């Protein structure tokens, strides 16, 4: 007569299976993250979403040394002026954003650093949820530790959406100014960086009123930051 299965055996097997699956997924993701220190991602979820939505996909990933230093300076000035100094998170800005969102729940103010945006753009999906934010924090800490600032900036400039279906600074330079990213001027880099809060809505060509106004502010911030030695250690040297 066959022995009866002990109560809880199925639950125990299920738990062991899920634990192994989680471990496999964790190690696979960790190895992928480490590999991206030297290689470029084949595609991102945001880029796949752009294709599915019919927005197309223009991209051409290039090393940081082939980009105009104005490109990196512009995105730092526009998106995260403390990028060279923080460890992935701007805690003061996060506290201010949380306080603002509590006062005005109908509006949402973000405080993501370039590191957080890079982690989201490379590994995760767009949108707002506590699950995505939690994984974003984990990925941000790892890329700060494993990649370093130059690689994070290089990756951001290659994967960030800079127009409808336009990803990365090389594709943006070719699309908007018919030139490689290495030849972008200070003003052109500022105009591209100005669209980053919503690159589908705030167009570079034709230039929206928002980009026109914000690019002037970005240019002023670039002038303030370009003499900072911490910023200069991250940017490629202009020949």
Protein backbone atom coordinates (compact mmCIF):
# COMPACT_ATOMS: atom_id res chain seq x y z
CA UNK A 1 0.00 0.00 0.00
CA UNK A 2 1.46 3.37 -1.06
CA UNK A 3 2.47 5.62 1.79
CA UNK A 4 0.43 8.72 2.18
CA UNK A 5 2.17 12.01 1.50
CA UNK A 6 2.77 14.01 4.61
CA UNK A 7 0.71 17.17 4.97
CA UNK A 8 2.58 20.20 3.79
CA UNK A 9 4.84 18.28 1.37
CA UNK A 10 3.39 20.06 -1.68
CA UNK A 11 3.83 23.45 -0.04
CA UNK A 12 7.41 22.58 0.91
CA UNK A 13 8.22 21.51 -2.67
CA UNK A 14 6.64 24.67 -4.03
CA UNK A 15 8.62 26.81 -1.61
CA UNK A 16 11.89 25.07 -2.54
CA UNK A 17 11.13 25.52 -6.24
CA UNK A 18 10.36 29.21 -5.82
CA UNK A 19 13.48 29.68 -3.72
CA UNK A 20 15.66 28.07 -6.41
CA UNK A 21 13.92 30.07 -9.13
CA UNK A 22 14.51 33.31 -7.24
CA UNK A 23 18.17 32.41 -6.72
CA UNK A 24 18.63 31.61 -10.42
CA UNK A 25 16.96 34.86 -11.48
CA UNK A 26 18.99 36.84 -8.95
CA UNK A 27 22.32 35.37 -10.08
CA UNK A 28 21.42 35.75 -13.77
CA UNK A 29 20.51 39.39 -13.30
CA UNK A 30 23.66 40.03 -11.26
CA UNK A 31 25.88 38.46 -13.93
CA UNK A 32 24.11 40.50 -16.61
CA UNK A 33 24.60 43.69 -14.62
CA UNK A 34 28.30 42.96 -14.15
CA UNK A 35 28.71 42.14 -17.86
CA UNK A 36 27.19 45.51 -18.80
CA UNK A 37 30.21 47.15 -17.20
CA UNK A 38 31.96 46.34 -20.50
CA UNK A 39 29.26 45.45 -23.05
CA UNK A 40 26.10 47.24 -24.18
CA UNK A 41 22.58 45.92 -23.59
CA UNK A 42 21.05 44.34 -26.71
CA UNK A 43 17.73 46.10 -26.07
CA UNK A 44 15.75 47.59 -23.18
CA UNK A 45 12.12 47.24 -22.14
CA UNK A 46 11.48 50.90 -22.94
CA UNK A 47 12.88 50.45 -26.44
CA UNK A 48 10.74 47.34 -27.00
CA UNK A 49 7.71 49.30 -25.78
CA UNK A 50 8.49 52.03 -28.31
CA UNK A 51 8.45 49.46 -31.11
CA UNK A 52 5.20 47.89 -29.90
CA UNK A 53 3.52 51.30 -29.73
CA UNK A 54 4.58 52.05 -33.30
CA UNK A 55 7.00 54.84 -32.37
CA UNK A 56 9.95 53.09 -33.97
CA UNK A 57 13.45 52.62 -32.61
CA UNK A 58 16.43 54.74 -33.61
CA UNK A 59 19.64 54.10 -31.68
CA UNK A 60 23.37 53.82 -32.21
CA UNK A 61 25.39 53.12 -29.09
CA UNK A 62 28.82 54.74 -28.99
CA UNK A 63 31.54 55.07 -26.31
CA UNK A 64 31.72 58.18 -24.16
CA UNK A 65 34.96 59.28 -25.82
CA UNK A 66 33.11 59.57 -29.16
CA UNK A 67 30.58 62.01 -27.70
CA UNK A 68 30.99 65.73 -27.41
CA UNK A 69 31.78 66.56 -23.76
CA UNK A 70 28.96 69.08 -24.03
CA UNK A 71 26.54 66.14 -24.18
CA UNK A 72 27.52 64.82 -20.76
CA UNK A 73 27.78 68.31 -19.30
CA UNK A 74 24.29 69.17 -20.58
CA UNK A 75 22.54 66.14 -19.06
CA UNK A 76 24.33 66.64 -15.74
CA UNK A 77 23.30 70.31 -15.75
CA UNK A 78 19.72 69.48 -16.70
CA UNK A 79 19.02 66.33 -14.72
CA UNK A 80 21.44 65.85 -11.82
CA UNK A 81 23.96 68.52 -10.88
CA UNK A 82 25.15 66.51 -7.87
CA UNK A 83 25.89 63.44 -10.02
CA UNK A 84 29.68 63.48 -9.44
CA UNK A 85 29.25 63.74 -5.67
CA UNK A 86 26.43 61.42 -4.58
CA UNK A 87 26.44 57.63 -4.24
CA UNK A 88 23.39 57.13 -6.42
CA UNK A 89 20.73 58.98 -4.44
CA UNK A 90 20.07 62.65 -3.71
CA UNK A 91 18.43 62.26 -0.31
CA UNK A 92 17.63 65.94 0.19
CA UNK A 93 15.81 66.13 -3.13
CA UNK A 94 13.98 62.89 -2.33
CA UNK A 95 12.77 64.34 0.99
CA UNK A 96 11.62 67.55 -0.71
CA UNK A 97 9.80 65.56 -3.42
CA UNK A 98 8.04 63.39 -0.84
CA UNK A 99 6.93 66.45 1.12
CA UNK A 100 5.67 68.12 -2.06
CA UNK A 101 3.77 65.00 -3.14
CA UNK A 102 2.10 64.79 0.27
CA UNK A 103 0.97 68.40 0.04
CA UNK A 104 -0.21 68.04 -3.56
CA UNK A 105 -1.18 64.41 -4.19
CA UNK A 106 -2.66 65.32 -7.55
CA UNK A 107 0.81 66.22 -8.83
CA UNK A 108 3.91 64.05 -8.73
CA UNK A 109 7.41 65.47 -8.43
CA UNK A 110 10.33 63.13 -9.00
CA UNK A 111 13.84 63.30 -7.58
CA UNK A 112 15.62 60.59 -9.54
CA UNK A 113 19.34 60.96 -10.09
CA UNK A 114 21.08 60.09 -13.35
CA UNK A 115 22.11 56.82 -11.70
CA UNK A 116 18.50 55.95 -10.85
CA UNK A 117 17.31 56.91 -14.32
CA UNK A 118 20.02 54.76 -15.88
CA UNK A 119 19.08 51.77 -13.72
CA UNK A 120 15.43 52.20 -14.70
CA UNK A 121 16.16 52.69 -18.41
CA UNK A 122 18.50 49.70 -18.69
CA UNK A 123 16.86 47.09 -16.45
CA UNK A 124 13.27 48.08 -15.73
CA UNK A 125 10.06 49.43 -17.17
CA UNK A 126 8.53 52.90 -17.17
CA UNK A 127 5.71 53.82 -14.83
CA UNK A 128 5.31 54.25 -11.10
CA UNK A 129 5.00 51.45 -8.57
CA UNK A 130 6.60 50.52 -5.26
CA UNK A 131 7.86 47.25 -6.76
CA UNK A 132 9.66 48.99 -9.62
CA UNK A 133 11.04 51.64 -7.28
CA UNK A 134 12.37 49.01 -4.90
CA UNK A 135 14.18 47.11 -7.65
CA UNK A 136 15.45 50.44 -9.01
CA UNK A 137 17.08 51.22 -5.66
CA UNK A 138 18.81 47.82 -5.68
CA UNK A 139 20.06 48.24 -9.28
CA UNK A 140 21.19 51.81 -8.64
CA UNK A 141 23.34 50.78 -5.68
CA UNK A 142 24.96 48.01 -7.73
CA UNK A 143 25.79 50.09 -10.80
CA UNK A 144 27.28 52.81 -8.62
CA UNK A 145 29.51 50.17 -7.03
CA UNK A 146 30.33 48.09 -10.12
CA UNK A 147 30.16 50.50 -13.08
CA UNK A 148 31.36 53.83 -11.73
CA UNK A 149 30.35 57.32 -12.77
CA UNK A 150 31.79 57.38 -16.30
CA UNK A 151 30.09 54.13 -17.30
CA UNK A 152 26.79 55.25 -15.79
CA UNK A 153 26.94 58.52 -17.73
CA UNK A 154 27.95 56.70 -20.91
CA UNK A 155 25.08 54.23 -20.54
CA UNK A 156 22.57 56.99 -19.80
CA UNK A 157 23.62 58.90 -22.91
CA UNK A 158 23.15 55.74 -24.97
CA UNK A 159 19.81 54.44 -23.70
CA UNK A 160 17.81 57.50 -22.60
CA UNK A 161 14.86 58.37 -24.82
CA UNK A 162 15.57 61.73 -26.46
CA UNK A 163 12.60 61.96 -28.76
CA UNK A 164 9.76 59.82 -30.06
CA UNK A 165 11.49 56.52 -30.80
CA UNK A 166 14.91 58.20 -30.58
CA UNK A 167 17.26 56.63 -28.03
CA UNK A 168 20.70 57.89 -27.17
CA UNK A 169 22.74 60.95 -27.99
CA UNK A 170 24.08 59.63 -31.31
CA UNK A 171 20.61 58.96 -32.70
CA UNK A 172 19.42 62.33 -31.37
CA UNK A 173 22.34 64.21 -32.97
CA UNK A 174 21.77 62.51 -36.31
CA UNK A 175 17.99 62.98 -36.18
CA UNK A 176 17.91 66.63 -35.12
CA UNK A 177 21.16 68.11 -36.41
CA UNK A 178 22.35 65.68 -39.12
CA UNK A 179 25.74 65.24 -37.48
CA UNK A 180 27.49 62.75 -35.16
CA UNK A 181 27.31 63.23 -31.42
CA UNK A 182 31.02 64.03 -31.35
CA UNK A 183 30.30 67.29 -33.18
CA UNK A 184 27.44 68.58 -31.04
CA UNK A 185 27.85 72.19 -29.99
CA UNK A 186 27.10 73.49 -26.52
CA UNK A 187 23.74 74.88 -27.64
CA UNK A 188 22.69 71.72 -29.48
CA UNK A 189 23.55 69.54 -26.48
CA UNK A 190 21.55 71.85 -24.22
CA UNK A 191 18.52 71.63 -26.53
CA UNK A 192 18.59 67.82 -26.45
CA UNK A 193 19.00 67.78 -22.67
CA UNK A 194 16.12 70.23 -22.30
CA UNK A 195 13.65 67.71 -23.74
CA UNK A 196 14.51 64.94 -21.25
CA UNK A 197 11.66 65.45 -18.75
CA UNK A 198 9.26 64.30 -21.48
CA UNK A 199 11.05 63.72 -24.81
CA UNK A 200 7.87 62.68 -26.62
CA UNK A 201 5.97 65.82 -25.61
CA UNK A 202 8.83 68.36 -25.62
CA UNK A 203 10.20 68.20 -29.14
CA UNK A 204 13.60 69.40 -30.34
CA UNK A 205 12.55 69.64 -33.99
CA UNK A 206 10.30 71.46 -34.38
CA UNK A 207 11.51 73.10 -31.19
CA UNK A 208 8.76 73.37 -28.60
CA UNK A 209 8.37 76.46 -26.44
CA UNK A 210 9.39 74.41 -23.44
CA UNK A 211 12.69 73.31 -25.02
CA UNK A 212 13.39 76.85 -26.20
CA UNK A 213 12.96 78.24 -22.69
CA UNK A 214 14.59 75.39 -20.78
CA UNK A 215 17.63 75.09 -23.04
CA UNK A 216 18.60 78.64 -22.08
CA UNK A 217 18.50 77.65 -18.41
CA UNK A 218 20.53 74.48 -19.18
CA UNK A 219 23.18 76.57 -20.94
CA UNK A 220 23.55 78.80 -17.87
CA UNK A 221 23.90 75.77 -15.63
CA UNK A 222 26.49 74.27 -17.97
CA UNK A 223 28.60 77.41 -17.67
CA UNK A 224 28.37 77.20 -13.89
CA UNK A 225 29.39 73.55 -13.78
CA UNK A 226 32.03 73.20 -16.48
CA UNK A 227 34.83 74.46 -14.23
CA UNK A 228 34.02 71.95 -11.48
CA UNK A 229 36.95 69.48 -11.26
CA UNK A 230 34.65 66.64 -10.16
CA UNK A 231 32.54 67.12 -13.29
CA UNK A 232 35.62 67.31 -15.50
CA UNK A 233 36.95 63.97 -14.25
CA UNK A 234 33.82 62.28 -15.64
CA UNK A 235 33.60 64.01 -19.01
CA UNK A 236 35.75 63.05 -22.02
CA UNK A 237 38.50 65.47 -22.96
CA UNK A 238 37.64 67.66 -25.94
CA UNK A 239 40.40 67.52 -28.57
